[in-house]
């Protein structure tokens, strides 16, 4: 480690996020199956803004106010919502230029939890390269916050954390002394050559299959479909306006 290097940490669960207190850090919230992928897809399809909402009751209030609401719990679309959590719901015909109030089982709570840090962004496999390069450009400590499942560890979020960590560590601009970052990198190296095969053992993969919601699996693990970075600003997620300089 040299004095110019920045630190990578990985938080496996929102339940322990307070242990990673660093208000000057960038936080990357990842919820691969499906919230962070859906958010990145929405911006890829020209959504105006997304309001991340923690509770179902608050989401219902937004519906009463006339907002378009995407909301789910345990994978099921809530009865008052316009649609649920699949990335395939966020089509340009439905959302282009609009504000969407969005509430999910895990991901939107994690975004709001991290909102007091320097910057919060949403990461997925579909913006992996752009996200990694943006972090490198920011030159700040980074915490990758895995949304998990109801405060439990999740494989899919952890392997994405490892994929981001790999790119940052390879740059030599970042270092880690965090065991969970090392563990996430190790899992990523196990999974990276056959992600779809590896993820079959994941609990969320099983949940989606049982509910008939697993049509999104291949899409959610497809890398680099977009260079858009969703960032949190004044209570909303917006598209990053500054260009990202790409590093090979």
C-alpha atoms as a PDB file:
ATOM      1  CA  UNK A   1       0.000   0.000   0.000  1.00  0.00           C
ATOM      2  CA  UNK A   2       1.236   3.520  -0.788  1.00  0.00           C
ATOM      3  CA  UNK A   3      -0.110   6.848   0.404  1.00  0.00           C
ATOM      4  CA  UNK A   4      -2.051   7.502  -2.807  1.00  0.00           C
ATOM      5  CA  UNK A   5      -3.968   4.232  -2.824  1.00  0.00           C
ATOM      6  CA  UNK A   6      -7.606   4.184  -1.777  1.00  0.00           C
ATOM      7  CA  UNK A   7      -9.363   1.469   0.189  1.00  0.00           C
ATOM      8  CA  UNK A   8     -11.932  -1.110  -0.926  1.00  0.00           C
ATOM      9  CA  UNK A   9     -14.315  -2.647   1.564  1.00  0.00           C
ATOM     10  CA  UNK A  10     -17.238  -5.003   0.980  1.00  0.00           C
ATOM     11  CA  UNK A  11     -20.228  -5.106   3.305  1.00  0.00           C
ATOM     12  CA  UNK A  12     -22.022  -8.428   2.971  1.00  0.00           C
ATOM     13  CA  UNK A  13     -25.282  -7.247   4.551  1.00  0.00           C
ATOM     14  CA  UNK A  14     -27.107  -4.007   5.400  1.00  0.00           C
ATOM     15  CA  UNK A  15     -27.332  -5.380   8.954  1.00  0.00           C
ATOM     16  CA  UNK A  16     -23.636  -4.617   9.493  1.00  0.00           C
ATOM     17  CA  UNK A  17     -23.314  -1.470   7.385  1.00  0.00           C
ATOM     18  CA  UNK A  18     -22.852   0.694  10.491  1.00  0.00           C
ATOM     19  CA  UNK A  19     -19.584  -1.174  11.114  1.00  0.00           C
ATOM     20  CA  UNK A  20     -18.207   0.327   7.884  1.00  0.00           C
ATOM     21  CA  UNK A  21     -18.768   3.945   8.931  1.00  0.00           C
ATOM     22  CA  UNK A  22     -16.910   6.164   6.472  1.00  0.00           C
ATOM     23  CA  UNK A  23     -18.883   9.286   5.479  1.00  0.00           C
ATOM     24  CA  UNK A  24     -16.187  10.244   2.958  1.00  0.00           C
ATOM     25  CA  UNK A  25     -16.495   7.010   0.998  1.00  0.00           C
ATOM     26  CA  UNK A  26     -18.391   6.217  -2.166  1.00  0.00           C
ATOM     27  CA  UNK A  27     -20.961   3.464  -1.603  1.00  0.00           C
ATOM     28  CA  UNK A  28     -21.894   1.149  -4.456  1.00  0.00           C
ATOM     29  CA  UNK A  29     -25.188  -0.608  -3.750  1.00  0.00           C
ATOM     30  CA  UNK A  30     -25.541  -3.949  -5.529  1.00  0.00           C
ATOM     31  CA  UNK A  31     -28.695  -6.072  -5.706  1.00  0.00           C
ATOM     32  CA  UNK A  32     -28.146  -8.226  -8.767  1.00  0.00           C
ATOM     33  CA  UNK A  33     -31.407 -10.206  -8.585  1.00  0.00           C
ATOM     34  CA  UNK A  34     -33.074  -7.852  -9.295  1.00  0.00           C
ATOM     35  CA  UNK A  35     -33.262  -4.259  -8.034  1.00  0.00           C
ATOM     36  CA  UNK A  36     -29.907  -2.795  -9.045  1.00  0.00           C
ATOM     37  CA  UNK A  37     -30.139  -4.436 -12.472  1.00  0.00           C
ATOM     38  CA  UNK A  38     -33.657  -3.051 -12.891  1.00  0.00           C
ATOM     39  CA  UNK A  39     -32.512   0.449 -11.903  1.00  0.00           C
ATOM     40  CA  UNK A  40     -29.648   0.400 -14.398  1.00  0.00           C
ATOM     41  CA  UNK A  41     -32.018  -0.932 -17.063  1.00  0.00           C
ATOM     42  CA  UNK A  42     -34.465   1.878 -16.337  1.00  0.00           C
ATOM     43  CA  UNK A  43     -31.803   4.499 -16.935  1.00  0.00           C
ATOM     44  CA  UNK A  44     -30.640   2.655 -20.030  1.00  0.00           C
ATOM     45  CA  UNK A  45     -34.235   3.082 -21.228  1.00  0.00           C
ATOM     46  CA  UNK A  46     -34.282   6.817 -20.433  1.00  0.00           C
ATOM     47  CA  UNK A  47     -36.229   6.979 -17.168  1.00  0.00           C
ATOM     48  CA  UNK A  48     -36.267  10.529 -15.816  1.00  0.00           C
ATOM     49  CA  UNK A  49     -35.682   9.860 -12.105  1.00  0.00           C
ATOM     50  CA  UNK A  50     -36.287   7.042  -9.634  1.00  0.00           C
ATOM     51  CA  UNK A  51     -37.342   7.656  -6.042  1.00  0.00           C
ATOM     52  CA  UNK A  52     -36.040   4.778  -3.882  1.00  0.00           C
ATOM     53  CA  UNK A  53     -38.598   3.982  -1.182  1.00  0.00           C
ATOM     54  CA  UNK A  54     -37.943   1.788   1.819  1.00  0.00           C
ATOM     55  CA  UNK A  55     -41.437   0.852   3.008  1.00  0.00           C
ATOM     56  CA  UNK A  56     -44.497  -0.535   1.254  1.00  0.00           C
ATOM     57  CA  UNK A  57     -46.728   1.960   3.058  1.00  0.00           C
ATOM     58  CA  UNK A  58     -44.705   4.876   1.728  1.00  0.00           C
ATOM     59  CA  UNK A  59     -44.878   3.395  -1.772  1.00  0.00           C
ATOM     60  CA  UNK A  60     -48.669   3.228  -1.446  1.00  0.00           C
ATOM     61  CA  UNK A  61     -48.697   6.921  -0.497  1.00  0.00           C
ATOM     62  CA  UNK A  62     -46.781   7.764  -3.661  1.00  0.00           C
ATOM     63  CA  UNK A  63     -49.377   5.871  -5.671  1.00  0.00           C
ATOM     64  CA  UNK A  64     -52.111   7.954  -4.057  1.00  0.00           C
ATOM     65  CA  UNK A  65     -50.165  11.065  -5.056  1.00  0.00           C
ATOM     66  CA  UNK A  66     -50.344   9.988  -8.680  1.00  0.00           C
ATOM     67  CA  UNK A  67     -46.852   8.573  -9.212  1.00  0.00           C
ATOM     68  CA  UNK A  68     -46.080   5.523 -11.303  1.00  0.00           C
ATOM     69  CA  UNK A  69     -45.073   2.930  -8.710  1.00  0.00           C
ATOM     70  CA  UNK A  70     -42.912  -0.156  -9.117  1.00  0.00           C
ATOM     71  CA  UNK A  71     -43.057  -2.166  -5.901  1.00  0.00           C
ATOM     72  CA  UNK A  72     -42.584  -5.730  -4.737  1.00  0.00           C
ATOM     73  CA  UNK A  73     -42.054  -7.815  -1.634  1.00  0.00           C
ATOM     74  CA  UNK A  74     -40.593 -11.307  -1.754  1.00  0.00           C
ATOM     75  CA  UNK A  75     -40.689 -11.076  -5.537  1.00  0.00           C
ATOM     76  CA  UNK A  76     -44.432 -10.453  -5.759  1.00  0.00           C
ATOM     77  CA  UNK A  77     -45.800  -7.208  -7.192  1.00  0.00           C
ATOM     78  CA  UNK A  78     -47.736  -5.313  -4.534  1.00  0.00           C
ATOM     79  CA  UNK A  79     -51.441  -4.992  -5.207  1.00  0.00           C
ATOM     80  CA  UNK A  80     -51.395  -1.216  -5.652  1.00  0.00           C
ATOM     81  CA  UNK A  81     -48.269  -1.080  -7.828  1.00  0.00           C
ATOM     82  CA  UNK A  82     -48.187  -0.524 -11.576  1.00  0.00           C
ATOM     83  CA  UNK A  83     -45.529  -3.196 -11.995  1.00  0.00           C
ATOM     84  CA  UNK A  84     -42.895  -5.114 -10.068  1.00  0.00           C
ATOM     85  CA  UNK A  85     -39.168  -5.651  -9.953  1.00  0.00           C
ATOM     86  CA  UNK A  86     -38.209  -7.344 -13.211  1.00  0.00           C
ATOM     87  CA  UNK A  87     -35.770  -5.366 -15.357  1.00  0.00           C
ATOM     88  CA  UNK A  88     -38.015  -6.275 -18.290  1.00  0.00           C
ATOM     89  CA  UNK A  89     -40.797  -4.141 -16.795  1.00  0.00           C
ATOM     90  CA  UNK A  90     -38.732  -0.983 -17.212  1.00  0.00           C
ATOM     91  CA  UNK A  91     -39.299  -0.480 -20.931  1.00  0.00           C
ATOM     92  CA  UNK A  92     -38.788   2.841 -22.659  1.00  0.00           C
ATOM     93  CA  UNK A  93     -42.471   2.893 -23.679  1.00  0.00           C
ATOM     94  CA  UNK A  94     -43.497   2.716 -20.028  1.00  0.00           C
ATOM     95  CA  UNK A  95     -40.885   4.884 -18.281  1.00  0.00           C
ATOM     96  CA  UNK A  96     -39.075   7.196 -20.715  1.00  0.00           C
ATOM     97  CA  UNK A  97     -38.793  10.677 -19.229  1.00  0.00           C
ATOM     98  CA  UNK A  98     -40.908   9.804 -16.194  1.00  0.00           C
ATOM     99  CA  UNK A  99     -40.388   9.678 -12.445  1.00  0.00           C
ATOM    100  CA  UNK A 100     -40.864   6.216 -10.940  1.00  0.00           C
ATOM    101  CA  UNK A 101     -41.396   5.579  -7.234  1.00  0.00           C
ATOM    102  CA  UNK A 102     -39.613   2.288  -6.555  1.00  0.00           C
ATOM    103  CA  UNK A 103     -39.720   0.004  -3.525  1.00  0.00           C
ATOM    104  CA  UNK A 104     -38.178  -3.464  -3.225  1.00  0.00           C
ATOM    105  CA  UNK A 105     -37.563  -6.081  -0.574  1.00  0.00           C
ATOM    106  CA  UNK A 106     -33.865  -5.277  -0.181  1.00  0.00           C
ATOM    107  CA  UNK A 107     -32.279  -2.891  -2.668  1.00  0.00           C
ATOM    108  CA  UNK A 108     -34.091   0.394  -2.102  1.00  0.00           C
ATOM    109  CA  UNK A 109     -33.635   0.141   1.672  1.00  0.00           C
ATOM    110  CA  UNK A 110     -29.904  -0.312   1.147  1.00  0.00           C
ATOM    111  CA  UNK A 111     -29.742   2.788  -1.059  1.00  0.00           C
ATOM    112  CA  UNK A 112     -31.465   4.921   1.557  1.00  0.00           C
ATOM    113  CA  UNK A 113     -29.298   3.463   4.317  1.00  0.00           C
ATOM    114  CA  UNK A 114     -26.149   4.590   2.511  1.00  0.00           C
ATOM    115  CA  UNK A 115     -27.422   8.049   1.603  1.00  0.00           C
ATOM    116  CA  UNK A 116     -25.410   9.901   4.251  1.00  0.00           C
ATOM    117  CA  UNK A 117     -22.110   8.893   2.645  1.00  0.00           C
ATOM    118  CA  UNK A 118     -20.196  11.060   0.173  1.00  0.00           C
ATOM    119  CA  UNK A 119     -21.827   9.527  -2.896  1.00  0.00           C
ATOM    120  CA  UNK A 120     -24.075   6.561  -3.517  1.00  0.00           C
ATOM    121  CA  UNK A 121     -24.283   4.783  -6.866  1.00  0.00           C
ATOM    122  CA  UNK A 122     -26.041   1.685  -8.130  1.00  0.00           C
ATOM    123  CA  UNK A 123     -23.976  -1.150  -9.559  1.00  0.00           C
ATOM    124  CA  UNK A 124     -24.859  -4.201 -11.616  1.00  0.00           C
ATOM    125  CA  UNK A 125     -23.195  -6.528 -14.074  1.00  0.00           C
ATOM    126  CA  UNK A 126     -24.780  -4.561 -16.902  1.00  0.00           C
ATOM    127  CA  UNK A 127     -22.764  -1.434 -15.967  1.00  0.00           C
ATOM    128  CA  UNK A 128     -19.756  -3.203 -14.427  1.00  0.00           C
ATOM    129  CA  UNK A 129     -16.988  -1.678 -16.532  1.00  0.00           C
ATOM    130  CA  UNK A 130     -18.432   1.840 -16.442  1.00  0.00           C
ATOM    131  CA  UNK A 131     -18.980   1.630 -12.682  1.00  0.00           C
ATOM    132  CA  UNK A 132     -15.438   0.423 -12.058  1.00  0.00           C
ATOM    133  CA  UNK A 133     -13.953   3.189 -14.172  1.00  0.00           C
ATOM    134  CA  UNK A 134     -16.087   5.814 -12.476  1.00  0.00           C
ATOM    135  CA  UNK A 135     -14.820   4.670  -9.077  1.00  0.00           C
ATOM    136  CA  UNK A 136     -11.243   4.897 -10.340  1.00  0.00           C
ATOM    137  CA  UNK A 137     -11.909   8.453 -11.545  1.00  0.00           C
ATOM    138  CA  UNK A 138     -13.370   9.439  -8.172  1.00  0.00           C
ATOM    139  CA  UNK A 139     -10.199   8.445  -6.293  1.00  0.00           C
ATOM    140  CA  UNK A 140     -11.996   7.849  -2.998  1.00  0.00           C
ATOM    141  CA  UNK A 141     -12.407   4.979  -0.598  1.00  0.00           C
ATOM    142  CA  UNK A 142     -15.227   2.698  -1.708  1.00  0.00           C
ATOM    143  CA  UNK A 143     -17.662   0.468   0.165  1.00  0.00           C
ATOM    144  CA  UNK A 144     -19.569  -2.086  -1.899  1.00  0.00           C
ATOM    145  CA  UNK A 145     -22.842  -2.674  -0.072  1.00  0.00           C
ATOM    146  CA  UNK A 146     -24.518  -5.980  -0.877  1.00  0.00           C
ATOM    147  CA  UNK A 147     -28.280  -5.641  -0.449  1.00  0.00           C
ATOM    148  CA  UNK A 148     -28.560  -9.365   0.265  1.00  0.00           C
ATOM    149  CA  UNK A 149     -31.856 -10.928   1.273  1.00  0.00           C
ATOM    150  CA  UNK A 150     -33.559  -9.585   4.404  1.00  0.00           C
ATOM    151  CA  UNK A 151     -30.157  -8.816   5.955  1.00  0.00           C
ATOM    152  CA  UNK A 152     -28.752 -12.217   4.957  1.00  0.00           C
ATOM    153  CA  UNK A 153     -25.708 -12.936   2.818  1.00  0.00           C
ATOM    154  CA  UNK A 154     -26.290 -13.494  -0.898  1.00  0.00           C
ATOM    155  CA  UNK A 155     -24.006 -15.146  -3.440  1.00  0.00           C
ATOM    156  CA  UNK A 156     -25.054 -13.062  -6.422  1.00  0.00           C
ATOM    157  CA  UNK A 157     -24.338  -9.700  -4.792  1.00  0.00           C
ATOM    158  CA  UNK A 158     -21.053 -10.963  -3.374  1.00  0.00           C
ATOM    159  CA  UNK A 159     -19.712 -12.158  -6.708  1.00  0.00           C
ATOM    160  CA  UNK A 160     -20.510  -8.770  -8.251  1.00  0.00           C
ATOM    161  CA  UNK A 161     -18.663  -7.119  -5.374  1.00  0.00           C
ATOM    162  CA  UNK A 162     -15.739  -9.386  -6.203  1.00  0.00           C
ATOM    163  CA  UNK A 163     -15.883  -8.451  -9.887  1.00  0.00           C
ATOM    164  CA  UNK A 164     -15.706  -4.753  -9.000  1.00  0.00           C
ATOM    165  CA  UNK A 165     -12.914  -5.395  -6.485  1.00  0.00           C
ATOM    166  CA  UNK A 166     -10.919  -7.281  -9.109  1.00  0.00           C
ATOM    167  CA  UNK A 167     -10.989  -4.347 -11.520  1.00  0.00           C
ATOM    168  CA  UNK A 168     -10.042  -1.820  -8.832  1.00  0.00           C
ATOM    169  CA  UNK A 169      -7.214  -3.906  -7.415  1.00  0.00           C
ATOM    170  CA  UNK A 170      -5.809  -4.590 -10.875  1.00  0.00           C
ATOM    171  CA  UNK A 171      -5.501  -0.833 -11.369  1.00  0.00           C
ATOM    172  CA  UNK A 172      -3.058  -0.622  -8.416  1.00  0.00           C
ATOM    173  CA  UNK A 173      -4.914   2.537  -7.357  1.00  0.00           C
ATOM    174  CA  UNK A 174      -6.804   0.580  -4.697  1.00  0.00           C
ATOM    175  CA  UNK A 175      -5.895  -1.851  -1.945  1.00  0.00           C
ATOM    176  CA  UNK A 176      -7.847  -3.852   0.585  1.00  0.00           C
ATOM    177  CA  UNK A 177      -7.285  -5.137   4.092  1.00  0.00           C
ATOM    178  CA  UNK A 178     -10.920  -6.211   4.333  1.00  0.00           C
ATOM    179  CA  UNK A 179     -11.593  -9.927   4.720  1.00  0.00           C
ATOM    180  CA  UNK A 180     -15.010  -9.651   3.091  1.00  0.00           C
ATOM    181  CA  UNK A 181     -13.437  -7.966   0.050  1.00  0.00           C
ATOM    182  CA  UNK A 182     -10.914 -10.813  -0.212  1.00  0.00           C
ATOM    183  CA  UNK A 183     -13.719 -13.362   0.173  1.00  0.00           C
ATOM    184  CA  UNK A 184     -15.858 -11.695  -2.489  1.00  0.00           C
ATOM    185  CA  UNK A 185     -12.894 -11.678  -4.869  1.00  0.00           C
ATOM    186  CA  UNK A 186     -12.263 -15.376  -4.217  1.00  0.00           C
ATOM    187  CA  UNK A 187     -15.921 -16.203  -4.954  1.00  0.00           C
ATOM    188  CA  UNK A 188     -15.825 -14.132  -8.126  1.00  0.00           C
ATOM    189  CA  UNK A 189     -12.735 -15.975  -9.352  1.00  0.00           C
ATOM    190  CA  UNK A 190     -14.584 -19.260  -8.783  1.00  0.00           C
ATOM    191  CA  UNK A 191     -17.694 -18.055 -10.607  1.00  0.00           C
ATOM    192  CA  UNK A 192     -16.471 -15.821 -13.416  1.00  0.00           C
ATOM    193  CA  UNK A 193     -15.930 -18.457 -16.119  1.00  0.00           C
ATOM    194  CA  UNK A 194     -19.456 -19.878 -15.716  1.00  0.00           C
ATOM    195  CA  UNK A 195     -21.568 -17.388 -13.802  1.00  0.00           C
ATOM    196  CA  UNK A 196     -24.904 -18.890 -14.825  1.00  0.00           C
ATOM    197  CA  UNK A 197     -23.776 -22.351 -13.754  1.00  0.00           C
ATOM    198  CA  UNK A 198     -22.320 -21.085 -10.482  1.00  0.00           C
ATOM    199  CA  UNK A 199     -25.383 -19.073  -9.542  1.00  0.00           C
ATOM    200  CA  UNK A 200     -27.686 -22.094  -9.733  1.00  0.00           C
ATOM    201  CA  UNK A 201     -26.863 -22.783  -6.072  1.00  0.00           C
ATOM    202  CA  UNK A 202     -27.918 -19.284  -4.937  1.00  0.00           C
ATOM    203  CA  UNK A 203     -30.982 -19.028  -2.699  1.00  0.00           C
ATOM    204  CA  UNK A 204     -32.401 -16.125  -4.692  1.00  0.00           C
ATOM    205  CA  UNK A 205     -32.061 -18.162  -7.871  1.00  0.00           C
ATOM    206  CA  UNK A 206     -34.265 -20.798  -6.230  1.00  0.00           C
ATOM    207  CA  UNK A 207     -36.799 -18.214  -5.018  1.00  0.00           C
ATOM    208  CA  UNK A 208     -37.151 -16.732  -8.487  1.00  0.00           C
ATOM    209  CA  UNK A 209     -37.596 -20.162 -10.033  1.00  0.00           C
ATOM    210  CA  UNK A 210     -40.328 -21.102  -7.560  1.00  0.00           C
ATOM    211  CA  UNK A 211     -42.195 -17.892  -8.356  1.00  0.00           C
ATOM    212  CA  UNK A 212     -41.778 -18.185 -12.117  1.00  0.00           C
ATOM    213  CA  UNK A 213     -39.610 -15.065 -12.175  1.00  0.00           C
ATOM    214  CA  UNK A 214     -36.322 -16.523 -13.391  1.00  0.00           C
ATOM    215  CA  UNK A 215     -36.550 -15.304 -16.992  1.00  0.00           C
ATOM    216  CA  UNK A 216     -34.192 -12.487 -15.964  1.00  0.00           C
ATOM    217  CA  UNK A 217     -31.231 -14.635 -14.901  1.00  0.00           C
ATOM    218  CA  UNK A 218     -29.143 -14.446 -18.062  1.00  0.00           C
ATOM    219  CA  UNK A 219     -29.824 -10.740 -18.488  1.00  0.00           C
ATOM    220  CA  UNK A 220     -28.869  -9.909 -14.892  1.00  0.00           C
ATOM    221  CA  UNK A 221     -25.450 -11.524 -15.344  1.00  0.00           C
ATOM    222  CA  UNK A 222     -24.690  -9.999 -18.738  1.00  0.00           C
ATOM    223  CA  UNK A 223     -21.749  -7.625 -18.503  1.00  0.00           C
ATOM    224  CA  UNK A 224     -21.409  -4.101 -19.842  1.00  0.00           C
ATOM    225  CA  UNK A 225     -24.671  -3.419 -21.625  1.00  0.00           C
ATOM    226  CA  UNK A 226     -24.584   0.249 -20.595  1.00  0.00           C
ATOM    227  CA  UNK A 227     -22.147   2.931 -19.481  1.00  0.00           C
ATOM    228  CA  UNK A 228     -24.788   4.740 -17.408  1.00  0.00           C
ATOM    229  CA  UNK A 229     -24.159   5.251 -13.679  1.00  0.00           C
ATOM    230  CA  UNK A 230     -27.275   5.856 -11.527  1.00  0.00           C
ATOM    231  CA  UNK A 231     -26.360   8.090  -8.571  1.00  0.00           C
ATOM    232  CA  UNK A 232     -28.314   9.236  -5.542  1.00  0.00           C
ATOM    233  CA  UNK A 233     -29.010  12.968  -5.331  1.00  0.00           C
ATOM    234  CA  UNK A 234     -31.471  14.822  -3.083  1.00  0.00           C
ATOM    235  CA  UNK A 235     -33.637  11.809  -2.390  1.00  0.00           C
ATOM    236  CA  UNK A 236     -33.706  10.527  -5.969  1.00  0.00           C
ATOM    237  CA  UNK A 237     -31.660   8.390  -8.313  1.00  0.00           C
ATOM    238  CA  UNK A 238     -30.549  10.276 -11.394  1.00  0.00           C
ATOM    239  CA  UNK A 239     -28.293   9.580 -14.334  1.00  0.00           C
ATOM    240  CA  UNK A 240     -24.691  10.657 -13.781  1.00  0.00           C
ATOM    241  CA  UNK A 241     -24.134  13.666 -15.985  1.00  0.00           C
ATOM    242  CA  UNK A 242     -20.329  13.775 -15.991  1.00  0.00           C
ATOM    243  CA  UNK A 243     -18.521  11.651 -18.605  1.00  0.00           C
ATOM    244  CA  UNK A 244     -16.686   8.519 -17.467  1.00  0.00           C
ATOM    245  CA  UNK A 245     -13.088   8.207 -18.674  1.00  0.00           C
ATOM    246  CA  UNK A 246     -12.501   4.563 -19.558  1.00  0.00           C
ATOM    247  CA  UNK A 247      -9.423   2.677 -18.444  1.00  0.00           C
ATOM    248  CA  UNK A 248      -8.512  -0.549 -20.227  1.00  0.00           C
END
